PDB file of all heavy atoms in Angstrom:
ATOM      1  N   LYS A   1       0.819  -1.231   0.000  1.00  0.00           N
ATOM      2  CA  LYS A   1       0.000   0.000   0.000  1.00  0.00           C
ATOM      3  C   LYS A   1       0.844   1.269   0.000  1.00  0.00           C
ATOM      4  O   LYS A   1       0.344   2.348  -0.281  1.00  0.00           O
ATOM      5  CB  LYS A   1      -0.936  -0.009   1.229  1.00  0.00           C
ATOM      6  CG  LYS A   1      -2.000  -1.102   1.155  1.00  0.00           C
ATOM      7  CD  LYS A   1      -2.867  -1.137   2.390  1.00  0.00           C
ATOM      8  CE  LYS A   1      -2.184  -1.676   3.611  1.00  0.00           C
ATOM      9  NZ  LYS A   1      -1.687  -3.051   3.487  1.00  0.00           N
ATOM     10  N   LYS A   2       2.144   1.152   0.331  1.00  0.00           N
ATOM     11  CA  LYS A   2       2.982   2.357   0.395  1.00  0.00           C
ATOM     12  C   LYS A   2       3.601   2.709  -0.953  1.00  0.00           C
ATOM     13  O   LYS A   2       4.305   3.693  -1.084  1.00  0.00           O
ATOM     14  CB  LYS A   2       4.064   2.167   1.460  1.00  0.00           C
ATOM     15  CG  LYS A   2       3.453   2.038   2.851  1.00  0.00           C
ATOM     16  CD  LYS A   2       4.427   1.469   3.851  1.00  0.00           C
ATOM     17  CE  LYS A   2       3.712   1.046   5.113  1.00  0.00           C
ATOM     18  NZ  LYS A   2       2.873  -0.156   4.954  1.00  0.00           N
ATOM     19  N   ASN A   3       3.357   1.874  -1.963  1.00  0.00           N
ATOM     20  CA  ASN A   3       3.896   2.155  -3.294  1.00  0.00           C
ATOM     21  C   ASN A   3       3.158   3.314  -3.955  1.00  0.00           C
ATOM     22  O   ASN A   3       1.997   3.590  -3.645  1.00  0.00           O
ATOM     23  CB  ASN A   3       3.768   0.923  -4.194  1.00  0.00           C
ATOM     24  CG  ASN A   3       4.618  -0.236  -3.704  1.00  0.00           C
ATOM     25  OD1 ASN A   3       5.576  -0.044  -2.970  1.00  0.00           O
ATOM     26  ND2 ASN A   3       4.256  -1.444  -4.100  1.00  0.00           N
ATOM     27  N   GLN A   4       3.853   3.964  -4.862  1.00  0.00           N
ATOM     28  CA  GLN A   4       3.226   5.002  -5.679  1.00  0.00           C
ATOM     29  C   GLN A   4       3.635   4.794  -7.131  1.00  0.00           C
ATOM     30  O   GLN A   4       4.795   4.482  -7.417  1.00  0.00           O
ATOM     31  CB  GLN A   4       3.657   6.405  -5.224  1.00  0.00           C
ATOM     32  CG  GLN A   4       3.035   6.812  -3.887  1.00  0.00           C
ATOM     33  CD  GLN A   4       3.420   8.233  -3.520  1.00  0.00           C
ATOM     34  OE1 GLN A   4       4.578   8.610  -3.622  1.00  0.00           O
ATOM     35  NE2 GLN A   4       2.455   9.015  -3.103  1.00  0.00           N
ATOM     36  N   ASN A   5       2.663   4.959  -8.044  1.00  0.00           N
ATOM     37  CA  ASN A   5       2.911   4.841  -9.490  1.00  0.00           C
ATOM     38  C   ASN A   5       3.563   3.507  -9.869  1.00  0.00           C
ATOM     39  O   ASN A   5       4.392   3.449 -10.783  1.00  0.00           O
ATOM     40  CB  ASN A   5       3.789   6.008  -9.976  1.00  0.00           C
ATOM     41  CG  ASN A   5       3.177   7.354  -9.627  1.00  0.00           C
ATOM     42  OD1 ASN A   5       1.961   7.527  -9.732  1.00  0.00           O
ATOM     43  ND2 ASN A   5       4.006   8.292  -9.201  1.00  0.00           N
ATOM     44  N   GLY A   6       3.214   2.461  -9.121  1.00  0.00           N
ATOM     45  CA  GLY A   6       3.727   1.133  -9.456  1.00  0.00           C
ATOM     46  C   GLY A   6       5.180   0.901  -9.080  1.00  0.00           C
ATOM     47  O   GLY A   6       5.757  -0.128  -9.433  1.00  0.00           O
ATOM     48  N   ILE A   7       5.797   1.848  -8.369  1.00  0.00           N
ATOM     49  CA  ILE A   7       7.209   1.710  -7.972  1.00  0.00           C
ATOM     50  C   ILE A   7       7.267   1.184  -6.544  1.00  0.00           C
ATOM     51  O   ILE A   7       6.626   1.731  -5.644  1.00  0.00           O
ATOM     52  CB  ILE A   7       7.937   3.068  -8.063  1.00  0.00           C
ATOM     53  CG1 ILE A   7       7.940   3.552  -9.516  1.00  0.00           C
ATOM     54  CG2 ILE A   7       9.353   2.954  -7.520  1.00  0.00           C
ATOM     55  CD1 ILE A   7       8.335   5.002  -9.676  1.00  0.00           C
ATOM     56  N   ILE A   8       8.026   0.097  -6.343  1.00  0.00           N
ATOM     57  CA  ILE A   8       8.139  -0.485  -5.004  1.00  0.00           C
ATOM     58  C   ILE A   8       8.899   0.482  -4.100  1.00  0.00           C
ATOM     59  O   ILE A   8       9.985   0.961  -4.436  1.00  0.00           O
ATOM     60  CB  ILE A   8       8.833  -1.856  -5.051  1.00  0.00           C
ATOM     61  CG1 ILE A   8       8.024  -2.829  -5.910  1.00  0.00           C
ATOM     62  CG2 ILE A   8       9.006  -2.420  -3.649  1.00  0.00           C
ATOM     63  CD1 ILE A   8       8.723  -4.144  -6.197  1.00  0.00           C
ATOM     64  N   ASN A   9       8.320   0.761  -2.941  1.00  0.00           N
ATOM     65  CA  ASN A   9       8.849   1.755  -2.011  1.00  0.00           C
ATOM     66  C   ASN A   9       9.466   1.064  -0.799  1.00  0.00           C
ATOM     67  O   ASN A   9       8.809   0.246  -0.154  1.00  0.00           O
ATOM     68  CB  ASN A   9       7.690   2.681  -1.582  1.00  0.00           C
ATOM     69  CG  ASN A   9       8.168   3.908  -0.846  1.00  0.00           C
ATOM     70  OD1 ASN A   9       8.849   3.802   0.164  1.00  0.00           O
ATOM     71  ND2 ASN A   9       7.787   5.072  -1.336  1.00  0.00           N
ATOM     72  N   PHE A  10      10.712   1.414  -0.497  1.00  0.00           N
ATOM     73  CA  PHE A  10      11.401   0.829   0.655  1.00  0.00           C
ATOM     74  C   PHE A  10      11.746   1.900   1.674  1.00  0.00           C
ATOM     75  O   PHE A  10      11.986   3.060   1.324  1.00  0.00           O
ATOM     76  CB  PHE A  10      12.721   0.173   0.224  1.00  0.00           C
ATOM     77  CG  PHE A  10      12.554  -1.004  -0.683  1.00  0.00           C
ATOM     78  CD1 PHE A  10      12.631  -0.854  -2.063  1.00  0.00           C
ATOM     79  CD2 PHE A  10      12.334  -2.268  -0.165  1.00  0.00           C
ATOM     80  CE1 PHE A  10      12.479  -1.940  -2.908  1.00  0.00           C
ATOM     81  CE2 PHE A  10      12.190  -3.366  -1.006  1.00  0.00           C
ATOM     82  CZ  PHE A  10      12.258  -3.203  -2.372  1.00  0.00           C
ATOM     83  N   THR A  11      11.795   1.482   2.942  1.00  0.00           N
ATOM     84  CA  THR A  11      12.459   2.284   3.962  1.00  0.00           C
ATOM     85  C   THR A  11      13.840   1.669   4.163  1.00  0.00           C
ATOM     86  O   THR A  11      13.959   0.461   4.380  1.00  0.00           O
ATOM     87  CB  THR A  11      11.669   2.271   5.279  1.00  0.00           C
ATOM     88  OG1 THR A  11      10.429   2.953   5.070  1.00  0.00           O
ATOM     89  CG2 THR A  11      12.439   2.958   6.392  1.00  0.00           C
ATOM     90  N   MET A  12      14.874   2.483   4.057  1.00  0.00           N
ATOM     91  CA  MET A  12      16.248   2.011   4.273  1.00  0.00           C
ATOM     92  C   MET A  12      16.883   2.818   5.394  1.00  0.00           C
ATOM     93  O   MET A  12      16.286   3.770   5.903  1.00  0.00           O
ATOM     94  CB  MET A  12      17.060   2.101   2.974  1.00  0.00           C
ATOM     95  CG  MET A  12      16.512   1.209   1.859  1.00  0.00           C
ATOM     96  SD  MET A  12      17.531   1.264   0.353  1.00  0.00           S
ATOM     97  CE  MET A  12      16.397   0.552  -0.834  1.00  0.00           C
ATOM     98  N   MET A  13      18.073   2.440   5.780  1.00  0.00           N
ATOM     99  CA  MET A  13      18.773   3.100   6.879  1.00  0.00           C
ATOM    100  C   MET A  13      20.161   3.541   6.431  1.00  0.00           C
ATOM    101  O   MET A  13      20.873   2.790   5.760  1.00  0.00           O
ATOM    102  CB  MET A  13      18.919   2.133   8.065  1.00  0.00           C
ATOM    103  CG  MET A  13      17.616   1.513   8.570  1.00  0.00           C
ATOM    104  SD  MET A  13      16.435   2.730   9.192  1.00  0.00           S
ATOM    105  CE  MET A  13      17.360   3.444  10.539  1.00  0.00           C
ATOM    106  N   GLY A  14      20.546   4.791   6.819  1.00  0.00           N
ATOM    107  CA  GLY A  14      21.915   5.243   6.587  1.00  0.00           C
ATOM    108  C   GLY A  14      22.817   4.829   7.737  1.00  0.00           C
ATOM    109  O   GLY A  14      24.006   4.604   7.575  1.00  0.00           O
ATOM    110  N   ALA A  15      22.217   4.719   8.928  1.00  0.00           N
ATOM    111  CA  ALA A  15      22.882   4.281  10.153  1.00  0.00           C
ATOM    112  C   ALA A  15      21.768   3.993  11.147  1.00  0.00           C
ATOM    113  O   ALA A  15      20.591   4.218  10.840  1.00  0.00           O
ATOM    114  CB  ALA A  15      23.826   5.374  10.679  1.00  0.00           C
ATOM    115  N   ILE A  16      22.114   3.505  12.335  1.00  0.00           N
ATOM    116  CA  ILE A  16      21.080   3.332  13.356  1.00  0.00           C
ATOM    117  C   ILE A  16      20.442   4.706  13.611  1.00  0.00           C
ATOM    118  O   ILE A  16      21.143   5.682  13.894  1.00  0.00           O
ATOM    119  CB  ILE A  16      21.675   2.803  14.683  1.00  0.00           C
ATOM    120  CG1 ILE A  16      22.444   1.505  14.471  1.00  0.00           C
ATOM    121  CG2 ILE A  16      20.562   2.646  15.733  1.00  0.00           C
ATOM    122  CD1 ILE A  16      21.642   0.279  14.207  1.00  0.00           C
ATOM    123  N   GLY A  17      19.138   4.794  13.477  1.00  0.00           N
ATOM    124  CA  GLY A  17      18.425   6.053  13.710  1.00  0.00           C
ATOM    125  C   GLY A  17      18.405   7.003  12.529  1.00  0.00           C
ATOM    126  O   GLY A  17      17.712   8.019  12.562  1.00  0.00           O
ATOM    127  N   ASP A  18      19.158   6.700  11.480  1.00  0.00           N
ATOM    128  CA  ASP A  18      19.194   7.563  10.281  1.00  0.00           C
ATOM    129  C   ASP A  18      18.270   6.960   9.230  1.00  0.00           C
ATOM    130  O   ASP A  18      18.660   6.096   8.445  1.00  0.00           O
ATOM    131  CB  ASP A  18      20.632   7.667   9.766  1.00  0.00           C
ATOM    132  CG  ASP A  18      20.739   8.514   8.491  1.00  0.00           C
ATOM    133  OD1 ASP A  18      19.738   9.153   8.110  1.00  0.00           O
ATOM    134  OD2 ASP A  18      21.824   8.518   7.876  1.00  0.00           O
ATOM    135  N   ILE A  19      17.013   7.410   9.250  1.00  0.00           N
ATOM    136  CA  ILE A  19      15.945   6.784   8.454  1.00  0.00           C
ATOM    137  C   ILE A  19      15.887   7.408   7.066  1.00  0.00           C
ATOM    138  O   ILE A  19      15.871   8.634   6.928  1.00  0.00           O
ATOM    139  CB  ILE A  19      14.589   6.977   9.177  1.00  0.00           C
ATOM    140  CG1 ILE A  19      14.643   6.384  10.588  1.00  0.00           C
ATOM    141  CG2 ILE A  19      13.452   6.365   8.379  1.00  0.00           C
ATOM    142  CD1 ILE A  19      13.652   7.003  11.556  1.00  0.00           C
ATOM    143  N   ARG A  20      15.825   6.572   6.046  1.00  0.00           N
ATOM    144  CA  ARG A  20      15.714   7.046   4.660  1.00  0.00           C
ATOM    145  C   ARG A  20      14.434   6.469   4.049  1.00  0.00           C
ATOM    146  O   ARG A  20      14.414   5.300   3.633  1.00  0.00           O
ATOM    147  CB  ARG A  20      16.924   6.581   3.844  1.00  0.00           C
ATOM    148  CG  ARG A  20      18.281   6.888   4.477  1.00  0.00           C
ATOM    149  CD  ARG A  20      18.617   8.362   4.465  1.00  0.00           C
ATOM    150  NE  ARG A  20      19.929   8.608   5.052  1.00  0.00           N
ATOM    151  CZ  ARG A  20      21.083   8.602   4.358  1.00  0.00           C
ATOM    152  NH1 ARG A  20      21.058   8.370   3.046  1.00  0.00           N
ATOM    153  NH2 ARG A  20      22.231   8.827   4.965  1.00  0.00           N
ATOM    154  N   ILE A  21      13.377   7.257   4.044  1.00  0.00           N
ATOM    155  CA  ILE A  21      12.107   6.779   3.487  1.00  0.00           C
ATOM    156  C   ILE A  21      12.076   6.995   1.972  1.00  0.00           C
ATOM    157  O   ILE A  21      12.928   7.694   1.410  1.00  0.00           O
ATOM    158  CB  ILE A  21      10.889   7.472   4.159  1.00  0.00           C
ATOM    159  CG1 ILE A  21      10.892   8.978   3.902  1.00  0.00           C
ATOM    160  CG2 ILE A  21      10.841   7.168   5.643  1.00  0.00           C
ATOM    161  CD1 ILE A  21       9.607   9.692   4.311  1.00  0.00           C
ATOM    162  N   ASN A  22      11.098   6.386   1.319  1.00  0.00           N
ATOM    163  CA  ASN A  22      10.851   6.555  -0.123  1.00  0.00           C
ATOM    164  C   ASN A  22      12.065   6.187  -0.976  1.00  0.00           C
ATOM    165  O   ASN A  22      12.412   6.879  -1.924  1.00  0.00           O
ATOM    166  CB  ASN A  22      10.418   7.998  -0.438  1.00  0.00           C
ATOM    167  CG  ASN A  22       9.128   8.372   0.273  1.00  0.00           C
ATOM    168  OD1 ASN A  22       8.274   7.513   0.490  1.00  0.00           O
ATOM    169  ND2 ASN A  22       8.991   9.630   0.637  1.00  0.00           N
ATOM    170  N   GLN A  23      12.699   5.066  -0.628  1.00  0.00           N
ATOM    171  CA  GLN A  23      13.823   4.562  -1.413  1.00  0.00           C
ATOM    172  C   GLN A  23      13.320   3.541  -2.432  1.00  0.00           C
ATOM    173  O   GLN A  23      12.304   2.886  -2.224  1.00  0.00           O
ATOM    174  CB  GLN A  23      14.857   3.904  -0.493  1.00  0.00           C
ATOM    175  CG  GLN A  23      15.417   4.823   0.573  1.00  0.00           C
ATOM    176  CD  GLN A  23      16.204   5.987  -0.018  1.00  0.00           C
ATOM    177  OE1 GLN A  23      17.113   5.785  -0.818  1.00  0.00           O
ATOM    178  NE2 GLN A  23      15.862   7.200   0.388  1.00  0.00           N
ATOM    179  N   THR A  24      14.043   3.433  -3.529  1.00  0.00           N
ATOM    180  CA  THR A  24      13.661   2.462  -4.560  1.00  0.00           C
ATOM    181  C   THR A  24      14.847   1.551  -4.867  1.00  0.00           C
ATOM    182  O   THR A  24      15.985   1.847  -4.489  1.00  0.00           O
ATOM    183  CB  THR A  24      13.212   3.168  -5.855  1.00  0.00           C
ATOM    184  OG1 THR A  24      14.305   3.971  -6.343  1.00  0.00           O
ATOM    185  CG2 THR A  24      12.000   4.052  -5.606  1.00  0.00           C
ATOM    186  N   ALA A  25      14.546   0.454  -5.547  1.00  0.00           N
ATOM    187  CA  ALA A  25      15.596  -0.471  -5.964  1.00  0.00           C
ATOM    188  C   ALA A  25      15.171  -1.102  -7.286  1.00  0.00           C
ATOM    189  O   ALA A  25      13.978  -1.280  -7.544  1.00  0.00           O
ATOM    190  CB  ALA A  25      15.803  -1.559  -4.903  1.00  0.00           C
ATOM    191  N   THR A  26      16.142  -1.436  -8.100  1.00  0.00           N
ATOM    192  CA  THR A  26      15.833  -2.088  -9.375  1.00  0.00           C
ATOM    193  C   THR A  26      15.463  -3.555  -9.116  1.00  0.00           C
ATOM    194  O   THR A  26      15.758  -4.110  -8.048  1.00  0.00           O
ATOM    195  CB  THR A  26      17.039  -2.049 -10.323  1.00  0.00           C
ATOM    196  OG1 THR A  26      18.096  -2.842  -9.738  1.00  0.00           O
ATOM    197  CG2 THR A  26      17.522  -0.625 -10.539  1.00  0.00           C
ATOM    198  N   THR A  27      14.880  -4.182 -10.121  1.00  0.00           N
ATOM    199  CA  THR A  27      14.553  -5.610 -10.005  1.00  0.00           C
ATOM    200  C   THR A  27      15.813  -6.417  -9.730  1.00  0.00           C
ATOM    201  O   THR A  27      15.803  -7.348  -8.907  1.00  0.00           O
ATOM    202  CB  THR A  27      13.872  -6.111 -11.302  1.00  0.00           C
ATOM    203  OG1 THR A  27      12.669  -5.366 -11.489  1.00  0.00           O
ATOM    204  CG2 THR A  27      13.550  -7.597 -11.223  1.00  0.00           C
ATOM    205  N   GLU A  28      16.924  -6.048 -10.389  1.00  0.00           N
ATOM    206  CA  GLU A  28      18.180  -6.775 -10.174  1.00  0.00           C
ATOM    207  C   GLU A  28      18.660  -6.618  -8.733  1.00  0.00           C
ATOM    208  O   GLU A  28      19.148  -7.573  -8.116  1.00  0.00           O
ATOM    209  CB  GLU A  28      19.259  -6.300 -11.150  1.00  0.00           C
ATOM    210  CG  GLU A  28      19.118  -6.887 -12.547  1.00  0.00           C
ATOM    211  CD  GLU A  28      18.915  -8.402 -12.527  1.00  0.00           C
ATOM    212  OE1 GLU A  28      19.755  -9.105 -11.937  1.00  0.00           O
ATOM    213  OE2 GLU A  28      17.909  -8.877 -13.085  1.00  0.00           O
ATOM    214  N   GLU A  29      18.554  -5.401  -8.185  1.00  0.00           N
ATOM    215  CA  GLU A  29      18.981  -5.170  -6.796  1.00  0.00           C
ATOM    216  C   GLU A  29      18.104  -5.953  -5.819  1.00  0.00           C
ATOM    217  O   GLU A  29      18.600  -6.495  -4.820  1.00  0.00           O
ATOM    218  CB  GLU A  29      18.929  -3.672  -6.487  1.00  0.00           C
ATOM    219  CG  GLU A  29      20.041  -2.885  -7.155  1.00  0.00           C
ATOM    220  CD  GLU A  29      19.839  -1.372  -7.089  1.00  0.00           C
ATOM    221  OE1 GLU A  29      18.676  -0.908  -6.986  1.00  0.00           O
ATOM    222  OE2 GLU A  29      20.861  -0.644  -7.154  1.00  0.00           O
ATOM    223  N   ILE A  30      16.813  -6.015  -6.103  1.00  0.00           N
ATOM    224  CA  ILE A  30      15.906  -6.777  -5.240  1.00  0.00           C
ATOM    225  C   ILE A  30      16.278  -8.263  -5.272  1.00  0.00           C
ATOM    226  O   ILE A  30      16.320  -8.939  -4.236  1.00  0.00           O
ATOM    227  CB  ILE A  30      14.431  -6.563  -5.670  1.00  0.00           C
ATOM    228  CG1 ILE A  30      14.004  -5.119  -5.365  1.00  0.00           C
ATOM    229  CG2 ILE A  30      13.502  -7.555  -4.967  1.00  0.00           C
ATOM    230  CD1 ILE A  30      12.664  -4.716  -5.964  1.00  0.00           C
ATOM    231  N   LYS A  31      16.607  -8.761  -6.455  1.00  0.00           N
ATOM    232  CA  LYS A  31      16.994 -10.174  -6.572  1.00  0.00           C
ATOM    233  C   LYS A  31      18.332 -10.440  -5.871  1.00  0.00           C
ATOM    234  O   LYS A  31      18.519 -11.504  -5.260  1.00  0.00           O
ATOM    235  CB  LYS A  31      17.053 -10.585  -8.050  1.00  0.00           C
ATOM    236  CG  LYS A  31      15.658 -10.699  -8.672  1.00  0.00           C
ATOM    237  CD  LYS A  31      15.699 -11.165 -10.121  1.00  0.00           C
ATOM    238  CE  LYS A  31      14.275 -11.364 -10.643  1.00  0.00           C
ATOM    239  NZ  LYS A  31      14.254 -11.818 -12.051  1.00  0.00           N
ATOM    240  N   GLU A  32      19.240  -9.471  -5.943  1.00  0.00           N
ATOM    241  CA  GLU A  32      20.514  -9.597  -5.201  1.00  0.00           C
ATOM    242  C   GLU A  32      20.256  -9.687  -3.695  1.00  0.00           C
ATOM    243  O   GLU A  32      20.893 -10.475  -2.989  1.00  0.00           O
ATOM    244  CB  GLU A  32      21.397  -8.361  -5.459  1.00  0.00           C
ATOM    245  CG  GLU A  32      22.297  -8.457  -6.651  1.00  0.00           C
ATOM    246  CD  GLU A  32      23.122  -7.164  -6.806  1.00  0.00           C
ATOM    247  OE1 GLU A  32      23.505  -6.581  -5.778  1.00  0.00           O
ATOM    248  OE2 GLU A  32      23.333  -6.755  -7.957  1.00  0.00           O
ATOM    249  N   ALA A  33      19.330  -8.845  -3.225  1.00  0.00           N
ATOM    250  CA  ALA A  33      18.995  -8.853  -1.799  1.00  0.00           C
ATOM    251  C   ALA A  33      18.368 -10.188  -1.398  1.00  0.00           C
ATOM    252  O   ALA A  33      18.620 -10.703  -0.299  1.00  0.00           O
ATOM    253  CB  ALA A  33      18.048  -7.693  -1.476  1.00  0.00           C
ATOM    254  N   LEU A  34      17.563 -10.768  -2.290  1.00  0.00           N
ATOM    255  CA  LEU A  34      16.976 -12.077  -2.032  1.00  0.00           C
ATOM    256  C   LEU A  34      18.064 -13.173  -2.055  1.00  0.00           C
ATOM    257  O   LEU A  34      18.014 -14.132  -1.257  1.00  0.00           O
ATOM    258  CB  LEU A  34      15.872 -12.389  -3.044  1.00  0.00           C
ATOM    259  CG  LEU A  34      14.576 -11.584  -2.845  1.00  0.00           C
ATOM    260  CD1 LEU A  34      13.666 -11.712  -4.065  1.00  0.00           C
ATOM    261  CD2 LEU A  34      13.849 -12.014  -1.580  1.00  0.00           C
ATOM    262  N   ASP A  35      19.049 -13.018  -2.936  1.00  0.00           N
ATOM    263  CA  ASP A  35      20.207 -13.945  -2.929  1.00  0.00           C
ATOM    264  C   ASP A  35      20.891 -13.889  -1.567  1.00  0.00           C
ATOM    265  O   ASP A  35      21.249 -14.929  -0.980  1.00  0.00           O
ATOM    266  CB  ASP A  35      21.216 -13.570  -4.019  1.00  0.00           C
ATOM    267  CG  ASP A  35      20.768 -13.951  -5.418  1.00  0.00           C
ATOM    268  OD1 ASP A  35      19.875 -14.802  -5.555  1.00  0.00           O
ATOM    269  OD2 ASP A  35      21.312 -13.363  -6.389  1.00  0.00           O
ATOM    270  N   PHE A  36      21.109 -12.653  -1.079  1.00  0.00           N
ATOM    271  CA  PHE A  36      21.777 -12.494   0.223  1.00  0.00           C
ATOM    272  C   PHE A  36      20.937 -13.135   1.332  1.00  0.00           C
ATOM    273  O   PHE A  36      21.483 -13.785   2.238  1.00  0.00           O
ATOM    274  CB  PHE A  36      22.006 -11.011   0.525  1.00  0.00           C
ATOM    275  CG  PHE A  36      22.594 -10.758   1.880  1.00  0.00           C
ATOM    276  CD1 PHE A  36      23.942 -10.969   2.114  1.00  0.00           C
ATOM    277  CD2 PHE A  36      21.799 -10.364   2.949  1.00  0.00           C
ATOM    278  CE1 PHE A  36      24.489 -10.773   3.366  1.00  0.00           C
ATOM    279  CE2 PHE A  36      22.333 -10.159   4.210  1.00  0.00           C
ATOM    280  CZ  PHE A  36      23.688 -10.361   4.423  1.00  0.00           C
ATOM    281  N   PHE A  37      19.628 -12.948   1.272  1.00  0.00           N
ATOM    282  CA  PHE A  37      18.733 -13.537   2.277  1.00  0.00           C
ATOM    283  C   PHE A  37      18.907 -15.055   2.309  1.00  0.00           C
ATOM    284  O   PHE A  37      18.945 -15.661   3.382  1.00  0.00           O
ATOM    285  CB  PHE A  37      17.270 -13.186   1.965  1.00  0.00           C
ATOM    286  CG  PHE A  37      16.281 -13.883   2.859  1.00  0.00           C
ATOM    287  CD1 PHE A  37      16.107 -13.462   4.173  1.00  0.00           C
ATOM    288  CD2 PHE A  37      15.551 -14.967   2.408  1.00  0.00           C
ATOM    289  CE1 PHE A  37      15.216 -14.109   5.013  1.00  0.00           C
ATOM    290  CE2 PHE A  37      14.643 -15.619   3.245  1.00  0.00           C
ATOM    291  CZ  PHE A  37      14.474 -15.180   4.556  1.00  0.00           C
TER     292      PHE A  37
END
């Protein structure tokens, strides 16, 4: 529900407490993250 215009929306972190909202990733980056998982 947090997506806009069909783009997957992530919350990421720059450091503990350093919140970066409205981040995006390519399909390849998402698959890399799933590989890491």
